[in-house]
Amino acid sequence: MIELQNVRKTFLSRPALKDVSLTLETGKMYGLIGENGSGKSTTLKLIAGLNHPTAGTITVNGKEVDRRIATEVAYLSELDEYYPFYTVQDMIDFYASQFTDFNTKKAADIRSFMNLEPKSKIKHLSKGNRGRLKMVLTLAREVPVLLLDEPFSGLDPMVRDSIVKGMLSFIDLDNQLVLITTHEIKEVESVLDEIIALKEGDIIGHHNVDDLRFETGMSIIDWMTEQYN
């Protein structure tokens, strides 16, 4: 479980999050949506312990978040932060050496599913294939919380849907909580349990996806369009 209590984050004098309180439960897949600059990436970095809140508290499974929360959380950044001279397999081996929860058999299965050649140099991979590698490295960690920041960025639209559905087989939703930020709402709508909408650092909506469809008759995209206009 993740709990944010009255969390505020400012950069210099600019507020990125404004008094946000939120509870997320294990066994669910959450979509964190909003316009650019709404606070999505900031929220994930705070939960991952990469940034510290200006005010308020964040806990993961009862532990207050700091840098050591990496033992509970796997974080997929929207940025490329890998050694370009490594091969795909080198990077997998490096992660296995750094994280005791890293499942090398699972990593091999996900790599194969993602159609990544183990001997390919990272510096020669396309943006889409670097994105696939990031998913291999993140999903192969057997931790309670998966934080995925724009995991489908750069992927060919023709393969996004199959990758979204396929990655579900590598997530243990009985024991894991997944929080995704993405602009690719159409592809992930069918797999999300709940959505949380941010606007200018405030939560403007938190809904069960099925309830939202039943009560409003709208898809997530239609609902978002209404909220942000």
Protein backbone atom coordinates (compact mmCIF):
# COMPACT_ATOMS: atom_id res chain seq x y z
CA MET A 1 0.00 0.00 0.00
CA ILE A 2 1.10 3.56 -0.77
CA GLU A 3 -0.11 6.48 1.29
CA LEU A 4 0.44 10.17 0.61
CA GLN A 5 -0.72 12.48 3.39
CA ASN A 6 -0.94 16.22 2.69
CA VAL A 7 2.03 16.05 0.35
CA ARG A 8 3.33 19.29 -1.09
CA LYS A 9 6.33 19.72 -3.37
CA THR A 10 7.76 23.00 -4.59
CA PHE A 11 10.71 23.66 -6.87
CA LEU A 12 12.10 27.08 -5.98
CA SER A 13 8.83 28.96 -5.59
CA ARG A 14 6.81 26.93 -8.09
CA PRO A 15 4.36 24.36 -6.63
CA ALA A 16 4.47 20.98 -8.36
CA LEU A 17 2.09 19.23 -5.94
CA LYS A 18 -0.40 20.97 -3.66
CA ASP A 19 -1.48 19.21 -0.46
CA VAL A 20 -2.10 15.83 -2.11
CA SER A 21 -3.55 12.95 -0.06
CA LEU A 22 -3.92 9.56 -1.70
CA THR A 23 -4.17 5.87 -0.78
CA LEU A 24 -3.25 3.15 -3.30
CA GLU A 25 -3.80 -0.55 -2.64
CA THR A 26 -1.87 -3.67 -3.54
CA GLY A 27 -3.49 -5.75 -6.28
CA LYS A 28 -4.53 -2.85 -8.47
CA MET A 29 -3.24 -1.09 -11.56
CA TYR A 30 -3.57 2.68 -11.39
CA GLY A 31 -3.29 5.24 -14.17
CA LEU A 32 -1.97 8.67 -13.19
CA ILE A 33 -3.10 11.04 -15.91
CA GLY A 34 -2.93 14.73 -16.66
CA GLU A 35 -1.44 17.40 -18.85
CA ASN A 36 2.31 18.02 -19.10
CA GLY A 37 3.47 19.76 -15.95
CA SER A 38 0.53 18.55 -13.87
CA GLY A 39 2.77 16.74 -11.34
CA LYS A 40 2.69 13.14 -12.59
CA SER A 41 6.42 12.49 -12.82
CA THR A 42 7.00 14.41 -9.59
CA THR A 43 4.57 12.10 -7.81
CA LEU A 44 6.39 8.98 -9.00
CA LYS A 45 9.80 10.37 -8.07
CA LEU A 46 8.55 11.20 -4.58
CA ILE A 47 7.19 7.68 -4.09
CA ALA A 48 10.47 6.23 -5.42
CA GLY A 49 12.45 8.28 -2.89
CA LEU A 50 14.29 10.22 -5.61
CA ASN A 51 12.82 13.52 -4.40
CA HIS A 52 11.66 14.57 -0.95
CA PRO A 53 8.35 16.28 -0.24
CA THR A 54 8.42 19.89 0.87
CA ALA A 55 5.68 18.99 3.35
CA GLY A 56 3.62 15.93 4.24
CA THR A 57 4.52 12.24 4.44
CA ILE A 58 4.72 9.30 2.04
CA THR A 59 4.78 5.67 3.14
CA VAL A 60 5.10 2.41 1.21
CA ASN A 61 3.84 -0.63 3.13
CA GLY A 62 4.16 1.34 6.35
CA LYS A 63 7.74 2.49 5.70
CA GLU A 64 8.37 6.21 5.36
CA VAL A 65 9.93 6.84 1.97
CA ASP A 66 13.63 7.62 1.58
CA ARG A 67 16.32 6.41 -0.82
CA ARG A 68 16.28 2.96 0.78
CA ILE A 69 12.71 2.42 -0.40
CA ALA A 70 14.28 1.03 -3.60
CA THR A 71 14.07 -2.37 -1.88
CA GLU A 72 10.26 -2.05 -2.13
CA VAL A 73 9.89 -0.08 -5.36
CA ALA A 74 10.94 -0.56 -8.98
CA TYR A 75 10.93 2.73 -10.89
CA LEU A 76 10.91 3.03 -14.68
CA SER A 77 12.02 6.54 -15.59
CA GLU A 78 10.91 8.38 -18.70
CA LEU A 79 14.62 9.18 -19.22
CA ASP A 80 17.29 6.91 -20.71
CA GLU A 81 19.85 6.34 -17.97
CA TYR A 82 21.76 3.28 -19.17
CA TYR A 83 25.38 2.74 -20.18
CA PRO A 84 25.40 3.10 -24.00
CA PHE A 85 28.42 0.80 -24.42
CA TYR A 86 26.60 -2.11 -22.70
CA THR A 87 24.70 -4.76 -24.60
CA VAL A 88 21.14 -5.65 -23.67
CA GLN A 89 22.43 -8.71 -21.80
CA ASP A 90 25.13 -6.66 -20.05
CA MET A 91 22.42 -4.36 -18.70
CA ILE A 92 20.31 -7.30 -17.52
CA ASP A 93 23.35 -8.80 -15.78
CA PHE A 94 24.15 -5.45 -14.17
CA TYR A 95 20.64 -5.15 -12.74
CA ALA A 96 20.87 -8.72 -11.46
CA SER A 97 24.06 -7.76 -9.60
CA GLN A 98 22.42 -4.68 -8.04
CA PHE A 99 19.03 -6.00 -6.93
CA THR A 100 18.57 -9.20 -4.94
CA ASP A 101 14.90 -9.25 -6.03
CA PHE A 102 15.84 -9.37 -9.74
CA ASN A 103 14.55 -12.53 -11.44
CA THR A 104 16.93 -13.38 -14.29
CA LYS A 105 14.66 -16.10 -15.70
CA LYS A 106 11.78 -13.66 -15.80
CA ALA A 107 14.04 -11.04 -17.42
CA ALA A 108 14.96 -13.52 -20.17
CA ASP A 109 11.29 -14.31 -20.78
CA ILE A 110 10.34 -10.61 -20.97
CA ARG A 111 13.32 -9.84 -23.22
CA SER A 112 12.21 -12.58 -25.59
CA PHE A 113 8.62 -11.28 -25.52
CA MET A 114 9.90 -7.77 -26.28
CA ASN A 115 11.93 -9.11 -29.25
CA LEU A 116 15.23 -7.71 -27.98
CA GLU A 117 18.49 -9.29 -29.12
CA PRO A 118 20.74 -9.90 -26.09
CA LYS A 119 23.92 -8.92 -27.99
CA SER A 120 22.58 -5.59 -29.30
CA LYS A 121 24.46 -2.53 -28.06
CA ILE A 122 22.25 -0.09 -26.19
CA LYS A 123 23.69 2.83 -28.17
CA HIS A 124 22.39 1.21 -31.37
CA LEU A 125 18.84 0.61 -30.09
CA SER A 126 15.94 2.73 -31.32
CA LYS A 127 14.03 4.82 -28.79
CA GLY A 128 11.26 2.21 -28.85
CA ASN A 129 13.66 -0.66 -28.15
CA ARG A 130 15.32 1.26 -25.33
CA GLY A 131 11.81 1.62 -23.91
CA ARG A 132 11.34 -2.13 -24.18
CA LEU A 133 14.62 -2.71 -22.36
CA LYS A 134 13.47 -0.43 -19.55
CA MET A 135 10.34 -2.55 -19.19
CA VAL A 136 12.43 -5.75 -19.07
CA LEU A 137 14.59 -4.37 -16.28
CA THR A 138 11.68 -2.99 -14.27
CA LEU A 139 9.19 -5.84 -14.59
CA ALA A 140 11.84 -8.46 -13.76
CA ARG A 141 12.13 -7.06 -10.24
CA GLU A 142 9.91 -8.90 -7.76
CA VAL A 143 8.97 -5.95 -5.54
CA PRO A 144 5.63 -4.81 -4.09
CA VAL A 145 5.44 -1.58 -6.11
CA LEU A 146 6.04 -0.90 -9.82
CA LEU A 147 6.20 2.75 -10.90
CA LEU A 148 6.12 3.19 -14.68
CA ASP A 149 6.67 6.71 -16.02
CA GLU A 150 5.59 6.89 -19.67
CA PRO A 151 6.57 3.25 -20.34
CA PHE A 152 5.16 3.24 -23.89
CA SER A 153 6.92 6.38 -25.14
CA GLY A 154 8.57 5.73 -28.50
CA LEU A 155 6.82 2.43 -29.12
CA ASP A 156 5.27 1.88 -32.53
CA PRO A 157 1.49 2.42 -32.24
CA MET A 158 0.99 -0.87 -34.09
CA VAL A 159 2.60 -2.86 -31.25
CA ARG A 160 1.57 -0.83 -28.17
CA ASP A 161 -1.67 -2.73 -27.62
CA SER A 162 -0.03 -6.16 -27.77
CA ILE A 163 2.79 -5.06 -25.44
CA VAL A 164 0.36 -3.55 -22.92
CA LYS A 165 -1.69 -6.74 -22.79
CA GLY A 166 1.35 -8.98 -22.91
CA MET A 167 3.10 -7.29 -20.01
CA LEU A 168 0.18 -8.21 -17.75
CA SER A 169 1.45 -11.78 -17.76
CA PHE A 170 4.67 -10.54 -16.13
CA ILE A 171 2.94 -8.61 -13.33
CA ASP A 172 1.82 -10.35 -10.14
CA LEU A 173 -1.32 -8.36 -9.35
CA ASP A 174 -2.00 -10.48 -6.27
CA ASN A 175 1.15 -9.08 -4.67
CA GLN A 176 2.07 -5.97 -6.64
CA LEU A 177 0.74 -2.45 -7.02
CA VAL A 178 1.28 -0.78 -10.39
CA LEU A 179 1.18 2.97 -10.96
CA ILE A 180 1.51 4.15 -14.57
CA THR A 181 1.78 7.62 -16.03
CA THR A 182 1.03 7.71 -19.73
CA HIS A 183 -0.37 9.77 -22.56
CA GLU A 184 -1.33 6.54 -24.36
CA ILE A 185 -4.70 6.32 -22.57
CA LYS A 186 -6.47 4.34 -25.27
CA GLU A 187 -4.00 1.46 -25.07
CA VAL A 188 -4.03 1.13 -21.26
CA GLU A 189 -7.69 1.87 -20.49
CA SER A 190 -8.68 -1.78 -20.69
CA VAL A 191 -6.12 -2.87 -18.07
CA LEU A 192 -6.52 -0.07 -15.52
CA ASP A 193 -8.51 -0.53 -12.32
CA GLU A 194 -8.51 3.12 -11.26
CA ILE A 195 -7.49 6.50 -12.64
CA ILE A 196 -6.20 9.53 -10.80
CA ALA A 197 -6.28 12.84 -12.63
CA LEU A 198 -3.89 15.67 -11.78
CA LYS A 199 -4.14 19.29 -12.87
CA GLU A 200 -1.60 21.90 -11.83
CA GLY A 201 -0.55 19.83 -8.83
CA ASP A 202 -4.07 19.07 -7.56
CA ILE A 203 -6.06 15.83 -7.77
CA ILE A 204 -9.21 16.68 -9.70
CA GLY A 205 -10.57 13.14 -9.90
CA HIS A 206 -9.99 9.61 -8.60
CA HIS A 207 -12.30 6.96 -10.04
CA ASN A 208 -12.75 3.25 -10.50
CA VAL A 209 -12.62 2.84 -14.28
CA ASP A 210 -15.63 0.51 -14.50
CA ASP A 211 -17.69 2.79 -12.25
CA LEU A 212 -16.74 5.79 -14.35
CA ARG A 213 -17.96 4.08 -17.51
CA PHE A 214 -21.18 2.92 -15.84
CA GLU A 215 -22.02 6.21 -14.14
CA THR A 216 -21.04 8.62 -16.91
CA GLY A 217 -21.16 6.47 -20.05
CA MET A 218 -17.76 7.91 -20.98
CA SER A 219 -14.37 6.43 -21.72
CA ILE A 220 -11.35 7.75 -19.83
CA ILE A 221 -10.40 9.87 -22.85
CA ASP A 222 -13.88 11.41 -23.07
CA TRP A 223 -13.87 12.09 -19.32
CA MET A 224 -10.39 13.66 -19.52
CA THR A 225 -11.46 15.88 -22.40
CA GLU A 226 -14.34 17.16 -20.30
CA GLN A 227 -12.16 17.78 -17.24
CA TYR A 228 -9.34 19.61 -19.00
CA ASN A 229 -11.45 21.90 -21.17
